[in-house]
C-alpha atoms as a PDB file:
ATOM      1  CA  UNK A   1     101.077  94.714 108.654  1.00  0.00           C
ATOM      2  CA  UNK A   2      99.436  98.056 109.376  1.00  0.00           C
ATOM      3  CA  UNK A   3     100.603 101.640 109.155  1.00  0.00           C
ATOM      4  CA  UNK A   4     101.428 101.502 112.873  1.00  0.00           C
ATOM      5  CA  UNK A   5     104.021  98.814 112.186  1.00  0.00           C
ATOM      6  CA  UNK A   6     106.181 100.877 109.841  1.00  0.00           C
ATOM      7  CA  UNK A   7     107.868 104.174 110.523  1.00  0.00           C
ATOM      8  CA  UNK A   8     106.814 107.265 108.565  1.00  0.00           C
ATOM      9  CA  UNK A   9     106.936 106.216 104.932  1.00  0.00           C
ATOM     10  CA  UNK A  10     105.644 107.353 101.579  1.00  0.00           C
ATOM     11  CA  UNK A  11     105.103 104.522  99.109  1.00  0.00           C
ATOM     12  CA  UNK A  12     104.867 105.328  95.413  1.00  0.00           C
ATOM     13  CA  UNK A  13     103.586 102.646  93.051  1.00  0.00           C
ATOM     14  CA  UNK A  14     105.166 103.547  89.730  1.00  0.00           C
ATOM     15  CA  UNK A  15     105.336 102.400  86.125  1.00  0.00           C
ATOM     16  CA  UNK A  16     103.968 103.087  82.679  1.00  0.00           C
ATOM     17  CA  UNK A  17     100.283 103.401  81.937  1.00  0.00           C
ATOM     18  CA  UNK A  18      98.361 100.154  82.244  1.00  0.00           C
ATOM     19  CA  UNK A  19     100.831  98.506  84.618  1.00  0.00           C
ATOM     20  CA  UNK A  20      98.327  98.379  87.488  1.00  0.00           C
ATOM     21  CA  UNK A  21      99.548 101.257  89.658  1.00  0.00           C
ATOM     22  CA  UNK A  22      96.089 102.345  90.774  1.00  0.00           C
ATOM     23  CA  UNK A  23      94.894  98.811  91.446  1.00  0.00           C
ATOM     24  CA  UNK A  24      97.920  97.868  93.527  1.00  0.00           C
ATOM     25  CA  UNK A  25      98.113 101.263  95.225  1.00  0.00           C
ATOM     26  CA  UNK A  26      94.493 101.162  96.368  1.00  0.00           C
ATOM     27  CA  UNK A  27      94.818  97.573  97.628  1.00  0.00           C
ATOM     28  CA  UNK A  28      98.054  98.354  99.437  1.00  0.00           C
ATOM     29  CA  UNK A  29      96.601 101.473 101.075  1.00  0.00           C
ATOM     30  CA  UNK A  30      93.560  99.482 102.210  1.00  0.00           C
ATOM     31  CA  UNK A  31      95.797  96.818 103.770  1.00  0.00           C
ATOM     32  CA  UNK A  32      97.911  99.467 105.506  1.00  0.00           C
ATOM     33  CA  UNK A  33      94.870 101.492 106.613  1.00  0.00           C
ATOM     34  CA  UNK A  34      96.238 104.667 105.058  1.00  0.00           C
ATOM     35  CA  UNK A  35      95.365 107.197 102.380  1.00  0.00           C
ATOM     36  CA  UNK A  36      95.641 106.360  98.694  1.00  0.00           C
ATOM     37  CA  UNK A  37      96.670 109.254  96.465  1.00  0.00           C
ATOM     38  CA  UNK A  38      95.687 108.780  92.822  1.00  0.00           C
ATOM     39  CA  UNK A  39      98.322 110.647  90.843  1.00  0.00           C
ATOM     40  CA  UNK A  40      96.085 110.933  87.772  1.00  0.00           C
ATOM     41  CA  UNK A  41      93.765 113.237  89.721  1.00  0.00           C
ATOM     42  CA  UNK A  42      96.610 115.762  90.167  1.00  0.00           C
ATOM     43  CA  UNK A  43      97.112 116.435  86.436  1.00  0.00           C
ATOM     44  CA  UNK A  44      96.217 119.901  85.204  1.00  0.00           C
ATOM     45  CA  UNK A  45      93.241 120.019  82.783  1.00  0.00           C
ATOM     46  CA  UNK A  46      95.586 121.163  79.996  1.00  0.00           C
ATOM     47  CA  UNK A  47      97.808 118.117  80.570  1.00  0.00           C
ATOM     48  CA  UNK A  48      94.820 115.786  80.439  1.00  0.00           C
ATOM     49  CA  UNK A  49      93.748 117.442  77.174  1.00  0.00           C
ATOM     50  CA  UNK A  50      97.247 116.943  75.745  1.00  0.00           C
ATOM     51  CA  UNK A  51      97.326 113.262  76.661  1.00  0.00           C
ATOM     52  CA  UNK A  52      93.771 112.723  75.421  1.00  0.00           C
ATOM     53  CA  UNK A  53      94.897 114.141  72.079  1.00  0.00           C
ATOM     54  CA  UNK A  54      97.789 111.678  71.966  1.00  0.00           C
ATOM     55  CA  UNK A  55     100.500 114.203  72.884  1.00  0.00           C
ATOM     56  CA  UNK A  56     103.043 113.075  75.477  1.00  0.00           C
ATOM     57  CA  UNK A  57     103.756 115.429  78.350  1.00  0.00           C
ATOM     58  CA  UNK A  58     107.085 117.183  78.631  1.00  0.00           C
ATOM     59  CA  UNK A  59     108.949 117.885  81.833  1.00  0.00           C
ATOM     60  CA  UNK A  60     107.407 121.380  81.820  1.00  0.00           C
ATOM     61  CA  UNK A  61     103.957 119.824  82.309  1.00  0.00           C
ATOM     62  CA  UNK A  62     105.183 117.129  84.667  1.00  0.00           C
ATOM     63  CA  UNK A  63     107.061 119.245  87.260  1.00  0.00           C
ATOM     64  CA  UNK A  64     103.982 120.961  88.776  1.00  0.00           C
ATOM     65  CA  UNK A  65     102.108 117.634  88.739  1.00  0.00           C
ATOM     66  CA  UNK A  66     104.944 115.904  90.588  1.00  0.00           C
ATOM     67  CA  UNK A  67     105.085 118.798  93.076  1.00  0.00           C
ATOM     68  CA  UNK A  68     101.357 118.421  93.803  1.00  0.00           C
ATOM     69  CA  UNK A  69     101.754 114.673  94.356  1.00  0.00           C
ATOM     70  CA  UNK A  70     104.804 115.230  96.573  1.00  0.00           C
ATOM     71  CA  UNK A  71     102.929 117.812  98.647  1.00  0.00           C
ATOM     72  CA  UNK A  72      99.959 115.472  99.075  1.00  0.00           C
ATOM     73  CA  UNK A  73     102.252 112.628 100.155  1.00  0.00           C
ATOM     74  CA  UNK A  74     104.111 114.897 102.578  1.00  0.00           C
ATOM     75  CA  UNK A  75     100.841 116.091 104.138  1.00  0.00           C
ATOM     76  CA  UNK A  76      99.462 112.561 104.556  1.00  0.00           C
ATOM     77  CA  UNK A  77     102.697 111.112 105.915  1.00  0.00           C
ATOM     78  CA  UNK A  78     103.027 114.092 108.264  1.00  0.00           C
ATOM     79  CA  UNK A  79      99.498 113.651 109.545  1.00  0.00           C
ATOM     80  CA  UNK A  80      99.166 109.861 109.550  1.00  0.00           C
ATOM     81  CA  UNK A  81     102.639 108.322 109.174  1.00  0.00           C
ATOM     82  CA  UNK A  82     102.078 106.400 105.940  1.00  0.00           C
ATOM     83  CA  UNK A  83     100.580 107.098 102.529  1.00  0.00           C
ATOM     84  CA  UNK A  84     100.481 105.315  99.183  1.00  0.00           C
ATOM     85  CA  UNK A  85     100.434 107.072  95.809  1.00  0.00           C
ATOM     86  CA  UNK A  86     100.096 105.890  92.240  1.00  0.00           C
ATOM     87  CA  UNK A  87     102.371 107.936  89.992  1.00  0.00           C
ATOM     88  CA  UNK A  88     104.226 106.965  86.828  1.00  0.00           C
ATOM     89  CA  UNK A  89     107.487 108.502  88.176  1.00  0.00           C
ATOM     90  CA  UNK A  90     109.166 107.407  84.969  1.00  0.00           C
ATOM     91  CA  UNK A  91     112.482 109.245  85.315  1.00  0.00           C
ATOM     92  CA  UNK A  92     114.975 109.258  88.157  1.00  0.00           C
ATOM     93  CA  UNK A  93     114.655 113.046  88.308  1.00  0.00           C
ATOM     94  CA  UNK A  94     110.887 112.675  88.828  1.00  0.00           C
ATOM     95  CA  UNK A  95     111.425 110.217  91.669  1.00  0.00           C
ATOM     96  CA  UNK A  96     114.075 112.491  93.175  1.00  0.00           C
ATOM     97  CA  UNK A  97     111.605 115.385  93.059  1.00  0.00           C
ATOM     98  CA  UNK A  98     109.074 113.337  95.022  1.00  0.00           C
ATOM     99  CA  UNK A  99     111.721 112.175  97.516  1.00  0.00           C
ATOM    100  CA  UNK A 100     112.777 115.803  98.042  1.00  0.00           C
ATOM    101  CA  UNK A 101     109.141 116.748  98.785  1.00  0.00           C
ATOM    102  CA  UNK A 102     108.544 114.159 101.486  1.00  0.00           C
ATOM    103  CA  UNK A 103     110.293 114.597 104.853  1.00  0.00           C
ATOM    104  CA  UNK A 104     110.209 110.842 105.506  1.00  0.00           C
ATOM    105  CA  UNK A 105     111.415 107.633 103.942  1.00  0.00           C
ATOM    106  CA  UNK A 106     110.098 107.297 100.408  1.00  0.00           C
ATOM    107  CA  UNK A 107     109.946 103.919  98.687  1.00  0.00           C
ATOM    108  CA  UNK A 108     109.013 103.047  95.119  1.00  0.00           C
ATOM    109  CA  UNK A 109     107.305  99.918  93.817  1.00  0.00           C
ATOM    110  CA  UNK A 110     108.032  99.626  90.098  1.00  0.00           C
ATOM    111  CA  UNK A 111     105.443  97.578  88.206  1.00  0.00           C
ATOM    112  CA  UNK A 112     107.112  96.096  85.164  1.00  0.00           C
ATOM    113  CA  UNK A 113     105.497  94.176  82.342  1.00  0.00           C
ATOM    114  CA  UNK A 114     105.750  93.271  78.695  1.00  0.00           C
ATOM    115  CA  UNK A 115     104.811  96.130  76.337  1.00  0.00           C
ATOM    116  CA  UNK A 116     102.450  93.887  74.349  1.00  0.00           C
ATOM    117  CA  UNK A 117     100.568  92.932  77.507  1.00  0.00           C
ATOM    118  CA  UNK A 118     100.306  96.578  78.535  1.00  0.00           C
ATOM    119  CA  UNK A 119      99.001  97.570  75.088  1.00  0.00           C
ATOM    120  CA  UNK A 120      96.347  94.846  75.445  1.00  0.00           C
ATOM    121  CA  UNK A 121      95.319  96.187  78.866  1.00  0.00           C
ATOM    122  CA  UNK A 122      95.156  99.776  77.627  1.00  0.00           C
ATOM    123  CA  UNK A 123      93.028  98.768  74.641  1.00  0.00           C
ATOM    124  CA  UNK A 124      90.512  97.196  77.054  1.00  0.00           C
ATOM    125  CA  UNK A 125      90.478 100.092  79.520  1.00  0.00           C
ATOM    126  CA  UNK A 126      87.447 102.314  79.150  1.00  0.00           C
ATOM    127  CA  UNK A 127      86.936 105.898  80.255  1.00  0.00           C
ATOM    128  CA  UNK A 128      90.590 106.851  80.758  1.00  0.00           C
ATOM    129  CA  UNK A 129      92.229 109.805  79.020  1.00  0.00           C
ATOM    130  CA  UNK A 130      95.513 107.974  78.330  1.00  0.00           C
ATOM    131  CA  UNK A 131      95.369 106.442  74.836  1.00  0.00           C
ATOM    132  CA  UNK A 132      97.354 103.275  74.053  1.00  0.00           C
ATOM    133  CA  UNK A 133      99.288 105.272  71.437  1.00  0.00           C
ATOM    134  CA  UNK A 134     101.235 107.040  74.221  1.00  0.00           C
ATOM    135  CA  UNK A 135     102.643 103.816  75.669  1.00  0.00           C
ATOM    136  CA  UNK A 136     105.694 103.935  73.367  1.00  0.00           C
ATOM    137  CA  UNK A 137     106.561 107.451  74.572  1.00  0.00           C
ATOM    138  CA  UNK A 138     106.288 106.303  78.174  1.00  0.00           C
ATOM    139  CA  UNK A 139     108.680 103.423  77.555  1.00  0.00           C
ATOM    140  CA  UNK A 140     111.044 105.855  75.800  1.00  0.00           C
ATOM    141  CA  UNK A 141     110.976 108.106  78.870  1.00  0.00           C
ATOM    142  CA  UNK A 142     111.231 105.280  81.435  1.00  0.00           C
ATOM    143  CA  UNK A 143     114.400 105.087  83.518  1.00  0.00           C
ATOM    144  CA  UNK A 144     114.149 101.913  85.554  1.00  0.00           C
ATOM    145  CA  UNK A 145     115.038 102.363  89.231  1.00  0.00           C
ATOM    146  CA  UNK A 146     118.758 102.089  89.917  1.00  0.00           C
ATOM    147  CA  UNK A 147     120.222  99.863  92.650  1.00  0.00           C
ATOM    148  CA  UNK A 148     120.839 102.898  94.875  1.00  0.00           C
ATOM    149  CA  UNK A 149     117.141 103.846  94.877  1.00  0.00           C
ATOM    150  CA  UNK A 150     114.716 102.528  97.493  1.00  0.00           C
ATOM    151  CA  UNK A 151     112.749 100.529  94.957  1.00  0.00           C
ATOM    152  CA  UNK A 152     111.212  97.107  94.523  1.00  0.00           C
ATOM    153  CA  UNK A 153     110.571  95.831  90.989  1.00  0.00           C
ATOM    154  CA  UNK A 154     107.628  93.488  90.489  1.00  0.00           C
ATOM    155  CA  UNK A 155     106.331  91.747  87.384  1.00  0.00           C
ATOM    156  CA  UNK A 156     102.578  92.155  87.121  1.00  0.00           C
ATOM    157  CA  UNK A 157     101.539  88.813  85.653  1.00  0.00           C
ATOM    158  CA  UNK A 158     100.269  87.579  89.003  1.00  0.00           C
ATOM    159  CA  UNK A 159      97.111  88.504  90.944  1.00  0.00           C
ATOM    160  CA  UNK A 160      97.289  91.919  92.654  1.00  0.00           C
ATOM    161  CA  UNK A 161      96.857  90.364  96.119  1.00  0.00           C
ATOM    162  CA  UNK A 162     100.110  88.460  95.586  1.00  0.00           C
ATOM    163  CA  UNK A 163     101.833  91.745  94.749  1.00  0.00           C
ATOM    164  CA  UNK A 164     100.419  93.307  97.931  1.00  0.00           C
ATOM    165  CA  UNK A 165     101.985  90.495  99.990  1.00  0.00           C
ATOM    166  CA  UNK A 166     105.321  91.011  98.223  1.00  0.00           C
ATOM    167  CA  UNK A 167     105.260  94.748  98.971  1.00  0.00           C
ATOM    168  CA  UNK A 168     104.256  94.229 102.615  1.00  0.00           C
ATOM    169  CA  UNK A 169     107.127  91.789 103.060  1.00  0.00           C
ATOM    170  CA  UNK A 170     109.534  94.303 101.539  1.00  0.00           C
ATOM    171  CA  UNK A 171     108.209  97.127 103.729  1.00  0.00           C
ATOM    172  CA  UNK A 172     108.836  95.015 106.826  1.00  0.00           C
ATOM    173  CA  UNK A 173     112.587  95.215 106.217  1.00  0.00           C
ATOM    174  CA  UNK A 174     114.578  98.406 106.658  1.00  0.00           C
ATOM    175  CA  UNK A 175     116.378  99.652 103.607  1.00  0.00           C
ATOM    176  CA  UNK A 176     119.416 101.791 103.383  1.00  0.00           C
ATOM    177  CA  UNK A 177     120.273 104.032 100.497  1.00  0.00           C
ATOM    178  CA  UNK A 178     122.790 106.835 100.603  1.00  0.00           C
ATOM    179  CA  UNK A 179     119.965 109.341 100.126  1.00  0.00           C
ATOM    180  CA  UNK A 180     117.929 107.944 103.052  1.00  0.00           C
ATOM    181  CA  UNK A 181     121.023 107.955 105.270  1.00  0.00           C
ATOM    182  CA  UNK A 182     121.717 111.629 104.452  1.00  0.00           C
ATOM    183  CA  UNK A 183     118.107 112.507 105.250  1.00  0.00           C
ATOM    184  CA  UNK A 184     118.289 110.790 108.657  1.00  0.00           C
ATOM    185  CA  UNK A 185     121.488 112.595 109.719  1.00  0.00           C
END
């Protein structure tokens, strides 16, 4: 499947830190031949400093970050038809904010895993500002996608290439949510 085979779509790979969003997002974008937007690069320096110090972000810090990601997705989808972003998108309101920013279908791939496994991954990750101590706050904030959201939930205990195939298969089928139907009318 390539970006020419799906209609204009923004794909957001979401989940808590350490779930593999960037890995899957980059692989998926490469397979689709489209841009990959790394959500971490859109954080304000003050937000990165907060997280580095072990302080979780509040909605006040997250709204502008989500707006920047939404704008980048909208620009890429507008110019090229498809884009993939990695963004935690932990709350429904965060996902809604992204959906409202993109004038095209927006789908979410939720990477789910066991907290102990994610803590292990974060402890092994070098050079990232997100300390393992913030994982609990992310799980506390997490609102798993609801059935009425355009979302696919995947467990991450398989090789990333397997996850890419799962996502491509899901993208090949049209979805219908009330929100997408309103947007198309």
